[in-house]
C-alpha atoms as a PDB file:
ATOM      1  CA  UNK A   1       0.000   0.000   0.000  1.00  0.00           C
ATOM      2  CA  UNK A   2       2.855   2.372   0.795  1.00  0.00           C
ATOM      3  CA  UNK A   3       4.382   1.686  -2.610  1.00  0.00           C
ATOM      4  CA  UNK A   4       1.083   2.435  -4.344  1.00  0.00           C
ATOM      5  CA  UNK A   5       0.666   5.633  -2.311  1.00  0.00           C
ATOM      6  CA  UNK A   6       4.172   6.749  -3.219  1.00  0.00           C
ATOM      7  CA  UNK A   7       3.567   6.048  -6.908  1.00  0.00           C
ATOM      8  CA  UNK A   8       0.315   8.053  -6.812  1.00  0.00           C
ATOM      9  CA  UNK A   9       2.036  10.916  -4.992  1.00  0.00           C
ATOM     10  CA  UNK A  10       4.860  10.982  -7.516  1.00  0.00           C
ATOM     11  CA  UNK A  11       2.345  10.960 -10.379  1.00  0.00           C
ATOM     12  CA  UNK A  12       0.484  13.908  -8.840  1.00  0.00           C
ATOM     13  CA  UNK A  13       3.732  15.836  -8.368  1.00  0.00           C
ATOM     14  CA  UNK A  14       4.751  15.128 -11.946  1.00  0.00           C
ATOM     15  CA  UNK A  15       1.392  16.422 -13.117  1.00  0.00           C
ATOM     16  CA  UNK A  16       1.871  19.636 -11.110  1.00  0.00           C
ATOM     17  CA  UNK A  17       5.339  20.060 -12.573  1.00  0.00           C
ATOM     18  CA  UNK A  18       4.113  19.541 -16.127  1.00  0.00           C
ATOM     19  CA  UNK A  19       1.387  22.170 -15.835  1.00  0.00           C
ATOM     20  CA  UNK A  20       3.301  24.689 -13.690  1.00  0.00           C
ATOM     21  CA  UNK A  21       5.587  27.237 -15.321  1.00  0.00           C
ATOM     22  CA  UNK A  22       7.576  27.723 -12.091  1.00  0.00           C
ATOM     23  CA  UNK A  23       8.687  25.508  -9.230  1.00  0.00           C
ATOM     24  CA  UNK A  24       8.731  28.426  -6.792  1.00  0.00           C
ATOM     25  CA  UNK A  25       7.476  32.007  -6.915  1.00  0.00           C
ATOM     26  CA  UNK A  26       8.313  34.489  -4.161  1.00  0.00           C
ATOM     27  CA  UNK A  27       5.991  37.450  -3.683  1.00  0.00           C
ATOM     28  CA  UNK A  28       7.740  40.463  -2.181  1.00  0.00           C
ATOM     29  CA  UNK A  29      11.125  42.078  -2.363  1.00  0.00           C
ATOM     30  CA  UNK A  30      12.058  42.923   1.230  1.00  0.00           C
ATOM     31  CA  UNK A  31      14.502  41.140   3.548  1.00  0.00           C
ATOM     32  CA  UNK A  32      12.191  38.102   3.783  1.00  0.00           C
ATOM     33  CA  UNK A  33      11.668  37.764   0.042  1.00  0.00           C
ATOM     34  CA  UNK A  34      15.295  38.359  -0.913  1.00  0.00           C
ATOM     35  CA  UNK A  35      16.613  35.970   1.739  1.00  0.00           C
ATOM     36  CA  UNK A  36      14.150  33.313   0.628  1.00  0.00           C
ATOM     37  CA  UNK A  37      15.400  33.889  -2.929  1.00  0.00           C
ATOM     38  CA  UNK A  38      19.043  33.481  -1.872  1.00  0.00           C
ATOM     39  CA  UNK A  39      18.368  30.172  -0.143  1.00  0.00           C
ATOM     40  CA  UNK A  40      16.036  28.863  -2.847  1.00  0.00           C
ATOM     41  CA  UNK A  41      18.412  29.801  -5.657  1.00  0.00           C
ATOM     42  CA  UNK A  42      21.337  28.130  -3.901  1.00  0.00           C
ATOM     43  CA  UNK A  43      19.153  25.024  -3.586  1.00  0.00           C
ATOM     44  CA  UNK A  44      18.678  24.947  -7.339  1.00  0.00           C
ATOM     45  CA  UNK A  45      15.021  26.019  -7.415  1.00  0.00           C
ATOM     46  CA  UNK A  46      15.637  29.027  -9.720  1.00  0.00           C
ATOM     47  CA  UNK A  47      12.899  31.067  -7.988  1.00  0.00           C
ATOM     48  CA  UNK A  48      10.952  33.843  -9.659  1.00  0.00           C
ATOM     49  CA  UNK A  49      10.755  36.892  -7.367  1.00  0.00           C
ATOM     50  CA  UNK A  50       7.950  39.382  -7.997  1.00  0.00           C
ATOM     51  CA  UNK A  51       8.958  42.522  -6.113  1.00  0.00           C
ATOM     52  CA  UNK A  52       5.707  44.441  -6.456  1.00  0.00           C
ATOM     53  CA  UNK A  53       5.311  48.172  -5.973  1.00  0.00           C
ATOM     54  CA  UNK A  54       7.803  48.525  -3.096  1.00  0.00           C
ATOM     55  CA  UNK A  55      11.144  46.904  -4.058  1.00  0.00           C
ATOM     56  CA  UNK A  56      13.204  46.537  -0.912  1.00  0.00           C
ATOM     57  CA  UNK A  57      10.183  46.712   1.376  1.00  0.00           C
ATOM     58  CA  UNK A  58       9.920  48.972   4.415  1.00  0.00           C
ATOM     59  CA  UNK A  59      13.639  48.783   5.144  1.00  0.00           C
ATOM     60  CA  UNK A  60      14.379  50.692   1.939  1.00  0.00           C
ATOM     61  CA  UNK A  61      12.752  53.746   3.555  1.00  0.00           C
ATOM     62  CA  UNK A  62      15.229  53.807   6.464  1.00  0.00           C
ATOM     63  CA  UNK A  63      17.973  56.381   6.071  1.00  0.00           C
ATOM     64  CA  UNK A  64      20.344  54.376   8.278  1.00  0.00           C
ATOM     65  CA  UNK A  65      20.038  50.790   9.540  1.00  0.00           C
ATOM     66  CA  UNK A  66      22.229  50.256  12.598  1.00  0.00           C
ATOM     67  CA  UNK A  67      20.873  46.961  13.902  1.00  0.00           C
ATOM     68  CA  UNK A  68      21.421  44.566  10.996  1.00  0.00           C
ATOM     69  CA  UNK A  69      24.355  42.215  11.729  1.00  0.00           C
ATOM     70  CA  UNK A  70      27.509  42.698   9.715  1.00  0.00           C
ATOM     71  CA  UNK A  71      27.419  46.480   9.339  1.00  0.00           C
ATOM     72  CA  UNK A  72      29.143  47.964  12.405  1.00  0.00           C
ATOM     73  CA  UNK A  73      29.005  51.479  10.961  1.00  0.00           C
ATOM     74  CA  UNK A  74      25.389  51.118   9.855  1.00  0.00           C
ATOM     75  CA  UNK A  75      24.075  51.114   6.298  1.00  0.00           C
ATOM     76  CA  UNK A  76      21.463  52.955   4.305  1.00  0.00           C
ATOM     77  CA  UNK A  77      18.249  50.909   4.117  1.00  0.00           C
ATOM     78  CA  UNK A  78      17.950  51.120   0.345  1.00  0.00           C
ATOM     79  CA  UNK A  79      21.600  50.108  -0.026  1.00  0.00           C
ATOM     80  CA  UNK A  80      21.052  47.099   2.245  1.00  0.00           C
ATOM     81  CA  UNK A  81      18.012  45.980   0.253  1.00  0.00           C
ATOM     82  CA  UNK A  82      19.984  46.381  -2.978  1.00  0.00           C
ATOM     83  CA  UNK A  83      22.806  44.201  -1.646  1.00  0.00           C
ATOM     84  CA  UNK A  84      20.305  41.472  -0.719  1.00  0.00           C
ATOM     85  CA  UNK A  85      18.717  41.729  -4.168  1.00  0.00           C
ATOM     86  CA  UNK A  86      22.067  41.498  -5.935  1.00  0.00           C
ATOM     87  CA  UNK A  87      23.077  38.501  -3.838  1.00  0.00           C
ATOM     88  CA  UNK A  88      19.878  36.656  -4.750  1.00  0.00           C
ATOM     89  CA  UNK A  89      20.409  37.449  -8.436  1.00  0.00           C
ATOM     90  CA  UNK A  90      24.017  36.210  -8.277  1.00  0.00           C
ATOM     91  CA  UNK A  91      22.786  32.753  -7.303  1.00  0.00           C
ATOM     92  CA  UNK A  92      20.237  32.626 -10.102  1.00  0.00           C
ATOM     93  CA  UNK A  93      17.044  34.141  -8.705  1.00  0.00           C
ATOM     94  CA  UNK A  94      15.034  35.885 -11.420  1.00  0.00           C
ATOM     95  CA  UNK A  95      13.803  39.176 -10.013  1.00  0.00           C
ATOM     96  CA  UNK A  96      11.024  41.117 -11.709  1.00  0.00           C
ATOM     97  CA  UNK A  97       9.439  44.452 -10.786  1.00  0.00           C
ATOM     98  CA  UNK A  98       5.983  43.041 -11.372  1.00  0.00           C
ATOM     99  CA  UNK A  99       2.765  43.612  -9.460  1.00  0.00           C
ATOM    100  CA  UNK A 100       0.381  40.719  -8.798  1.00  0.00           C
ATOM    101  CA  UNK A 101      -3.258  41.634  -9.371  1.00  0.00           C
ATOM    102  CA  UNK A 102      -4.818  38.370  -8.217  1.00  0.00           C
ATOM    103  CA  UNK A 103      -3.937  34.881  -7.058  1.00  0.00           C
ATOM    104  CA  UNK A 104      -5.837  31.611  -7.138  1.00  0.00           C
ATOM    105  CA  UNK A 105      -4.790  29.259  -4.342  1.00  0.00           C
ATOM    106  CA  UNK A 106      -7.736  26.880  -4.714  1.00  0.00           C
ATOM    107  CA  UNK A 107      -5.617  24.213  -6.420  1.00  0.00           C
ATOM    108  CA  UNK A 108      -2.076  23.487  -7.504  1.00  0.00           C
ATOM    109  CA  UNK A 109      -0.402  24.726  -9.562  1.00  0.00           C
ATOM    110  CA  UNK A 110      -1.290  28.120  -8.129  1.00  0.00           C
ATOM    111  CA  UNK A 111      -2.162  30.862 -10.598  1.00  0.00           C
ATOM    112  CA  UNK A 112      -0.976  34.469 -10.431  1.00  0.00           C
ATOM    113  CA  UNK A 113      -2.246  37.213 -12.727  1.00  0.00           C
ATOM    114  CA  UNK A 114       0.211  40.080 -13.216  1.00  0.00           C
ATOM    115  CA  UNK A 115      -0.294  43.760 -14.035  1.00  0.00           C
ATOM    116  CA  UNK A 116       1.439  43.354 -17.403  1.00  0.00           C
ATOM    117  CA  UNK A 117      -1.237  40.898 -18.525  1.00  0.00           C
ATOM    118  CA  UNK A 118       0.807  37.746 -18.006  1.00  0.00           C
ATOM    119  CA  UNK A 119      -0.362  34.728 -16.033  1.00  0.00           C
ATOM    120  CA  UNK A 120       2.138  32.665 -14.043  1.00  0.00           C
ATOM    121  CA  UNK A 121       1.558  29.235 -12.558  1.00  0.00           C
ATOM    122  CA  UNK A 122       3.718  27.740  -9.825  1.00  0.00           C
ATOM    123  CA  UNK A 123       4.070  24.548  -7.798  1.00  0.00           C
ATOM    124  CA  UNK A 124       4.907  26.437  -4.596  1.00  0.00           C
ATOM    125  CA  UNK A 125       4.533  29.993  -3.368  1.00  0.00           C
ATOM    126  CA  UNK A 126       6.287  32.028  -0.666  1.00  0.00           C
ATOM    127  CA  UNK A 127       4.302  35.068   0.457  1.00  0.00           C
ATOM    128  CA  UNK A 128       6.637  37.803   1.698  1.00  0.00           C
ATOM    129  CA  UNK A 129       4.531  40.858   0.911  1.00  0.00           C
ATOM    130  CA  UNK A 130       5.275  42.510   4.247  1.00  0.00           C
ATOM    131  CA  UNK A 131       3.249  44.926   6.312  1.00  0.00           C
ATOM    132  CA  UNK A 132       2.901  48.609   5.557  1.00  0.00           C
ATOM    133  CA  UNK A 133       2.983  51.263   8.238  1.00  0.00           C
ATOM    134  CA  UNK A 134      -0.164  53.309   8.554  1.00  0.00           C
ATOM    135  CA  UNK A 135       0.661  56.938   7.832  1.00  0.00           C
ATOM    136  CA  UNK A 136      -1.069  60.211   8.610  1.00  0.00           C
ATOM    137  CA  UNK A 137      -1.701  60.945   4.952  1.00  0.00           C
ATOM    138  CA  UNK A 138       0.158  64.268   4.813  1.00  0.00           C
ATOM    139  CA  UNK A 139       2.128  65.326   1.744  1.00  0.00           C
ATOM    140  CA  UNK A 140       4.827  66.739   4.026  1.00  0.00           C
ATOM    141  CA  UNK A 141       5.006  63.408   5.845  1.00  0.00           C
ATOM    142  CA  UNK A 142       5.684  61.473   2.659  1.00  0.00           C
ATOM    143  CA  UNK A 143       8.277  64.027   1.537  1.00  0.00           C
ATOM    144  CA  UNK A 144      10.236  63.616   4.781  1.00  0.00           C
ATOM    145  CA  UNK A 145      10.168  59.828   5.258  1.00  0.00           C
ATOM    146  CA  UNK A 146      13.756  58.839   5.924  1.00  0.00           C
ATOM    147  CA  UNK A 147      14.652  62.472   6.597  1.00  0.00           C
ATOM    148  CA  UNK A 148      13.320  62.727  10.127  1.00  0.00           C
ATOM    149  CA  UNK A 149       9.983  60.970   9.671  1.00  0.00           C
ATOM    150  CA  UNK A 150       9.963  57.276  10.571  1.00  0.00           C
ATOM    151  CA  UNK A 151       7.620  54.448  11.497  1.00  0.00           C
ATOM    152  CA  UNK A 152      10.269  52.362  13.284  1.00  0.00           C
ATOM    153  CA  UNK A 153      11.761  53.644  16.538  1.00  0.00           C
ATOM    154  CA  UNK A 154      13.951  50.571  16.964  1.00  0.00           C
ATOM    155  CA  UNK A 155      15.393  51.099  13.484  1.00  0.00           C
ATOM    156  CA  UNK A 156      16.060  54.830  13.674  1.00  0.00           C
ATOM    157  CA  UNK A 157      16.041  55.823  17.348  1.00  0.00           C
ATOM    158  CA  UNK A 158      19.792  56.116  17.751  1.00  0.00           C
ATOM    159  CA  UNK A 159      19.867  58.799  15.052  1.00  0.00           C
ATOM    160  CA  UNK A 160      17.969  61.115  17.395  1.00  0.00           C
ATOM    161  CA  UNK A 161      20.338  61.041  20.346  1.00  0.00           C
ATOM    162  CA  UNK A 162      20.006  64.271  22.365  1.00  0.00           C
ATOM    163  CA  UNK A 163      17.292  65.554  20.023  1.00  0.00           C
ATOM    164  CA  UNK A 164      13.606  66.307  20.576  1.00  0.00           C
ATOM    165  CA  UNK A 165      11.147  63.958  18.882  1.00  0.00           C
ATOM    166  CA  UNK A 166       7.396  63.562  18.507  1.00  0.00           C
ATOM    167  CA  UNK A 167       5.545  60.230  18.623  1.00  0.00           C
ATOM    168  CA  UNK A 168       2.069  60.144  17.073  1.00  0.00           C
ATOM    169  CA  UNK A 169      -0.354  57.592  18.495  1.00  0.00           C
ATOM    170  CA  UNK A 170      -1.893  56.292  21.691  1.00  0.00           C
ATOM    171  CA  UNK A 171      -1.641  52.498  21.601  1.00  0.00           C
ATOM    172  CA  UNK A 172       0.953  49.998  22.738  1.00  0.00           C
ATOM    173  CA  UNK A 173       3.188  50.687  19.736  1.00  0.00           C
ATOM    174  CA  UNK A 174       3.238  54.422  20.424  1.00  0.00           C
ATOM    175  CA  UNK A 175       4.219  54.015  24.071  1.00  0.00           C
ATOM    176  CA  UNK A 176       6.739  51.276  23.321  1.00  0.00           C
ATOM    177  CA  UNK A 177       8.314  53.638  20.782  1.00  0.00           C
ATOM    178  CA  UNK A 178       8.222  56.539  23.222  1.00  0.00           C
ATOM    179  CA  UNK A 179       9.893  54.502  25.968  1.00  0.00           C
ATOM    180  CA  UNK A 180      12.549  53.269  23.561  1.00  0.00           C
ATOM    181  CA  UNK A 181      13.224  56.738  22.171  1.00  0.00           C
ATOM    182  CA  UNK A 182      13.460  58.195  25.678  1.00  0.00           C
ATOM    183  CA  UNK A 183      16.741  56.284  26.023  1.00  0.00           C
ATOM    184  CA  UNK A 184      18.255  58.512  23.328  1.00  0.00           C
ATOM    185  CA  UNK A 185      16.199  61.654  22.776  1.00  0.00           C
ATOM    186  CA  UNK A 186      16.375  64.633  25.103  1.00  0.00           C
ATOM    187  CA  UNK A 187      12.584  64.878  25.040  1.00  0.00           C
ATOM    188  CA  UNK A 188       9.772  62.729  23.650  1.00  0.00           C
ATOM    189  CA  UNK A 189       6.352  64.280  23.092  1.00  0.00           C
ATOM    190  CA  UNK A 190       3.453  61.903  22.494  1.00  0.00           C
ATOM    191  CA  UNK A 191       0.653  63.494  20.448  1.00  0.00           C
ATOM    192  CA  UNK A 192      -2.696  61.711  20.777  1.00  0.00           C
ATOM    193  CA  UNK A 193      -6.061  62.658  19.342  1.00  0.00           C
ATOM    194  CA  UNK A 194      -7.935  61.603  22.495  1.00  0.00           C
ATOM    195  CA  UNK A 195      -7.549  62.379  26.194  1.00  0.00           C
ATOM    196  CA  UNK A 196      -6.981  58.747  27.154  1.00  0.00           C
ATOM    197  CA  UNK A 197      -4.594  56.115  25.838  1.00  0.00           C
ATOM    198  CA  UNK A 198      -5.424  52.730  24.347  1.00  0.00           C
ATOM    199  CA  UNK A 199      -2.121  51.258  25.521  1.00  0.00           C
ATOM    200  CA  UNK A 200      -1.868  48.676  28.285  1.00  0.00           C
ATOM    201  CA  UNK A 201      -1.915  49.989  31.887  1.00  0.00           C
ATOM    202  CA  UNK A 202       1.645  48.760  32.410  1.00  0.00           C
ATOM    203  CA  UNK A 203       3.000  50.798  29.487  1.00  0.00           C
ATOM    204  CA  UNK A 204       0.973  53.827  30.530  1.00  0.00           C
ATOM    205  CA  UNK A 205       2.403  53.668  34.035  1.00  0.00           C
ATOM    206  CA  UNK A 206       5.958  53.492  32.723  1.00  0.00           C
ATOM    207  CA  UNK A 207       5.446  56.309  30.223  1.00  0.00           C
ATOM    208  CA  UNK A 208       3.756  58.658  32.695  1.00  0.00           C
ATOM    209  CA  UNK A 209       6.567  58.086  35.167  1.00  0.00           C
ATOM    210  CA  UNK A 210       9.369  58.783  32.691  1.00  0.00           C
ATOM    211  CA  UNK A 211      10.797  62.310  33.061  1.00  0.00           C
ATOM    212  CA  UNK A 212      11.616  62.643  29.340  1.00  0.00           C
ATOM    213  CA  UNK A 213       8.152  61.738  28.048  1.00  0.00           C
ATOM    214  CA  UNK A 214       5.428  64.386  27.739  1.00  0.00           C
ATOM    215  CA  UNK A 215       1.894  64.258  26.325  1.00  0.00           C
ATOM    216  CA  UNK A 216      -0.226  66.512  24.139  1.00  0.00           C
ATOM    217  CA  UNK A 217      -3.871  65.454  24.365  1.00  0.00           C
ATOM    218  CA  UNK A 218      -6.864  65.827  22.025  1.00  0.00           C
ATOM    219  CA  UNK A 219      -4.562  66.876  19.206  1.00  0.00           C
ATOM    220  CA  UNK A 220      -3.450  65.757  15.783  1.00  0.00           C
ATOM    221  CA  UNK A 221      -0.469  66.547  13.600  1.00  0.00           C
ATOM    222  CA  UNK A 222      -1.645  68.415  10.486  1.00  0.00           C
ATOM    223  CA  UNK A 223       1.698  69.471   8.998  1.00  0.00           C
ATOM    224  CA  UNK A 224       5.353  68.487   9.287  1.00  0.00           C
ATOM    225  CA  UNK A 225       8.005  71.097   8.574  1.00  0.00           C
ATOM    226  CA  UNK A 226      10.085  71.547   6.526  1.00  0.00           C
ATOM    227  CA  UNK A 227      10.076  69.668   3.184  1.00  0.00           C
ATOM    228  CA  UNK A 228      11.918  72.551   1.506  1.00  0.00           C
ATOM    229  CA  UNK A 229      14.824  72.132   3.914  1.00  0.00           C
ATOM    230  CA  UNK A 230      14.745  68.371   3.460  1.00  0.00           C
ATOM    231  CA  UNK A 231      14.546  67.687   7.200  1.00  0.00           C
ATOM    232  CA  UNK A 232      12.113  67.836  10.104  1.00  0.00           C
ATOM    233  CA  UNK A 233      12.156  71.128  11.994  1.00  0.00           C
ATOM    234  CA  UNK A 234       8.750  71.026  13.688  1.00  0.00           C
ATOM    235  CA  UNK A 235       5.089  70.049  13.517  1.00  0.00           C
ATOM    236  CA  UNK A 236       1.808  71.938  13.375  1.00  0.00           C
ATOM    237  CA  UNK A 237      -0.661  70.477  15.878  1.00  0.00           C
ATOM    238  CA  UNK A 238      -4.420  71.109  15.769  1.00  0.00           C
ATOM    239  CA  UNK A 239      -6.686  70.669  18.796  1.00  0.00           C
ATOM    240  CA  UNK A 240      -9.583  68.408  17.791  1.00  0.00           C
ATOM    241  CA  UNK A 241     -12.203  70.455  19.689  1.00  0.00           C
ATOM    242  CA  UNK A 242     -11.074  74.084  19.536  1.00  0.00           C
ATOM    243  CA  UNK A 243      -9.265  73.660  16.175  1.00  0.00           C
ATOM    244  CA  UNK A 244      -6.527  75.883  17.524  1.00  0.00           C
ATOM    245  CA  UNK A 245      -3.220  75.252  15.754  1.00  0.00           C
ATOM    246  CA  UNK A 246       0.136  75.597  17.468  1.00  0.00           C
ATOM    247  CA  UNK A 247       3.683  74.904  16.363  1.00  0.00           C
ATOM    248  CA  UNK A 248       5.978  72.483  18.170  1.00  0.00           C
ATOM    249  CA  UNK A 249       9.694  72.464  17.283  1.00  0.00           C
ATOM    250  CA  UNK A 250      11.107  68.959  16.861  1.00  0.00           C
ATOM    251  CA  UNK A 251      13.801  67.126  14.926  1.00  0.00           C
ATOM    252  CA  UNK A 252      11.988  63.825  14.444  1.00  0.00           C
ATOM    253  CA  UNK A 253       8.474  62.449  13.986  1.00  0.00           C
ATOM    254  CA  UNK A 254       7.654  58.797  14.644  1.00  0.00           C
ATOM    255  CA  UNK A 255       4.270  57.701  13.340  1.00  0.00           C
ATOM    256  CA  UNK A 256       3.016  54.856  15.531  1.00  0.00           C
ATOM    257  CA  UNK A 257      -0.607  54.360  14.568  1.00  0.00           C
ATOM    258  CA  UNK A 258      -0.249  50.726  13.548  1.00  0.00           C
ATOM    259  CA  UNK A 259       0.704  48.482  10.640  1.00  0.00           C
ATOM    260  CA  UNK A 260      -1.422  46.791   8.013  1.00  0.00           C
ATOM    261  CA  UNK A 261      -0.232  43.445   6.626  1.00  0.00           C
ATOM    262  CA  UNK A 262      -0.354  43.322   2.838  1.00  0.00           C
ATOM    263  CA  UNK A 263      -2.751  40.403   2.608  1.00  0.00           C
ATOM    264  CA  UNK A 264      -5.676  41.744   0.569  1.00  0.00           C
ATOM    265  CA  UNK A 265      -4.762  39.368  -2.273  1.00  0.00           C
ATOM    266  CA  UNK A 266      -5.217  36.352  -0.029  1.00  0.00           C
ATOM    267  CA  UNK A 267      -8.425  37.124   1.852  1.00  0.00           C
ATOM    268  CA  UNK A 268     -10.963  34.297   1.739  1.00  0.00           C
ATOM    269  CA  UNK A 269      -8.260  31.996   0.377  1.00  0.00           C
ATOM    270  CA  UNK A 270      -5.865  31.515   3.271  1.00  0.00           C
ATOM    271  CA  UNK A 271      -6.264  31.608   7.047  1.00  0.00           C
ATOM    272  CA  UNK A 272      -5.642  35.061   8.504  1.00  0.00           C
ATOM    273  CA  UNK A 273      -5.787  36.158  12.132  1.00  0.00           C
ATOM    274  CA  UNK A 274      -8.163  38.885  13.317  1.00  0.00           C
ATOM    275  CA  UNK A 275      -5.662  41.564  12.304  1.00  0.00           C
ATOM    276  CA  UNK A 276      -5.245  40.065   8.800  1.00  0.00           C
ATOM    277  CA  UNK A 277      -1.768  38.586   9.377  1.00  0.00           C
ATOM    278  CA  UNK A 278      -1.179  35.195   7.760  1.00  0.00           C
ATOM    279  CA  UNK A 279      -1.194  32.383  10.279  1.00  0.00           C
ATOM    280  CA  UNK A 280       1.531  29.763   9.940  1.00  0.00           C
ATOM    281  CA  UNK A 281       2.021  26.384  11.502  1.00  0.00           C
ATOM    282  CA  UNK A 282       3.928  26.669  14.773  1.00  0.00           C
ATOM    283  CA  UNK A 283       7.669  26.343  14.276  1.00  0.00           C
ATOM    284  CA  UNK A 284       7.495  26.606  10.484  1.00  0.00           C
ATOM    285  CA  UNK A 285       6.398  28.857   7.631  1.00  0.00           C
ATOM    286  CA  UNK A 286       3.697  26.469   6.367  1.00  0.00           C
ATOM    287  CA  UNK A 287       0.295  28.107   5.911  1.00  0.00           C
ATOM    288  CA  UNK A 288      -3.054  26.333   5.898  1.00  0.00           C
ATOM    289  CA  UNK A 289      -2.599  25.617   2.173  1.00  0.00           C
ATOM    290  CA  UNK A 290      -0.049  22.907   1.268  1.00  0.00           C
ATOM    291  CA  UNK A 291       2.664  24.413  -0.906  1.00  0.00           C
ATOM    292  CA  UNK A 292       2.079  27.992   0.282  1.00  0.00           C
ATOM    293  CA  UNK A 293       4.485  29.518   2.809  1.00  0.00           C
ATOM    294  CA  UNK A 294       4.637  32.908   4.530  1.00  0.00           C
ATOM    295  CA  UNK A 295       7.688  34.825   5.728  1.00  0.00           C
ATOM    296  CA  UNK A 296       8.497  38.205   7.218  1.00  0.00           C
ATOM    297  CA  UNK A 297       6.175  40.924   8.459  1.00  0.00           C
ATOM    298  CA  UNK A 298       3.154  39.552   6.606  1.00  0.00           C
ATOM    299  CA  UNK A 299       3.048  36.774   9.214  1.00  0.00           C
ATOM    300  CA  UNK A 300       4.670  38.639  12.128  1.00  0.00           C
ATOM    301  CA  UNK A 301       2.519  41.103  14.093  1.00  0.00           C
ATOM    302  CA  UNK A 302       5.039  41.372  16.926  1.00  0.00           C
ATOM    303  CA  UNK A 303       8.712  41.761  15.934  1.00  0.00           C
ATOM    304  CA  UNK A 304       8.642  43.301  12.428  1.00  0.00           C
ATOM    305  CA  UNK A 305      12.431  43.590  12.152  1.00  0.00           C
ATOM    306  CA  UNK A 306      14.615  43.115   9.094  1.00  0.00           C
ATOM    307  CA  UNK A 307      16.697  40.437  10.788  1.00  0.00           C
ATOM    308  CA  UNK A 308      13.671  38.389  11.877  1.00  0.00           C
ATOM    309  CA  UNK A 309      12.145  38.754   8.421  1.00  0.00           C
ATOM    310  CA  UNK A 310      15.362  37.488   6.859  1.00  0.00           C
ATOM    311  CA  UNK A 311      15.363  34.537   9.252  1.00  0.00           C
ATOM    312  CA  UNK A 312      11.858  33.446   8.328  1.00  0.00           C
ATOM    313  CA  UNK A 313      12.731  33.980   4.661  1.00  0.00           C
ATOM    314  CA  UNK A 314      15.438  31.334   4.933  1.00  0.00           C
ATOM    315  CA  UNK A 315      12.982  29.062   6.761  1.00  0.00           C
ATOM    316  CA  UNK A 316      10.377  29.470   4.011  1.00  0.00           C
ATOM    317  CA  UNK A 317      12.876  28.569   1.298  1.00  0.00           C
ATOM    318  CA  UNK A 318      13.930  25.434   3.174  1.00  0.00           C
ATOM    319  CA  UNK A 319      10.300  24.512   3.846  1.00  0.00           C
ATOM    320  CA  UNK A 320       9.476  24.930   0.142  1.00  0.00           C
ATOM    321  CA  UNK A 321      12.496  22.867  -0.919  1.00  0.00           C
ATOM    322  CA  UNK A 322      11.549  20.086   1.493  1.00  0.00           C
ATOM    323  CA  UNK A 323       7.939  20.189   0.307  1.00  0.00           C
ATOM    324  CA  UNK A 324       8.939  19.862  -3.347  1.00  0.00           C
ATOM    325  CA  UNK A 325      11.275  16.973  -2.659  1.00  0.00           C
ATOM    326  CA  UNK A 326       9.158  15.134  -0.087  1.00  0.00           C
ATOM    327  CA  UNK A 327       5.563  15.510  -1.281  1.00  0.00           C
ATOM    328  CA  UNK A 328       4.242  12.491   0.618  1.00  0.00           C
ATOM    329  CA  UNK A 329       5.142  14.052   3.984  1.00  0.00           C
ATOM    330  CA  UNK A 330       2.737  16.975   3.679  1.00  0.00           C
END
């Protein structure tokens, strides 16, 4: 019976291979996607990487990355992403700046429809589409990202040593960022649109007790200065009830109003948690669909660091390789 089962499994896999254009497609071009590509290419899978609209991912927006191993003097985020991309290409990964419009995960081979009109089919898929920071929606904010505006205190906090910074938000992320930044900045001002915080009582207690952390209540940031100077010099804050606007000098703005995993393509096809992050099998990158794997921030609501994303990228590539070569174990 085992022999018959093995023969059937091999026949099914051969059928998938005959009808699939690719053995492995990787969606996303950040640290998770590029690392998965490096490992998969070295394993001989010749992966196709579809970078999407944000090549390099969130890390490419960081002016300086000081916490990625191997760069004691730090490195520009875009430069780091480019090095990862080049390394993947050197081992044979085929990297395309293509956007995926839709995916069909209902059966293997999986089908991907691209913005250029092409359709790609693949035996396995690694989803590394990341999570995007929620922004305030200001033109001045977008102009100054990486020039004093950031969504990652852990990534960029050291750059603001002995400077005054503003943190926008009122949840756990905002207070965690404020407490982290207070180790470096001379003053941290938390701007929140309500008069109470949504953060946990423990974080609130710590933040209220910290001498370097101050709060501006019932207010929202409506402008960040100064795009013409190419750096942050201050913010305009509007009171939500009186509509009075006042100016607050600052050298940095950290937007901490949450992240949104880039999973719209996969809704109603794959199991997501209540915050729309892809759920994976414990201790692996396997999703609820055999042959589909998830790596990086798209499946990580907690850490969201380049180094952890890279780690899960390597895991996803190894999981995909094992799946392709041991189909009867799934």
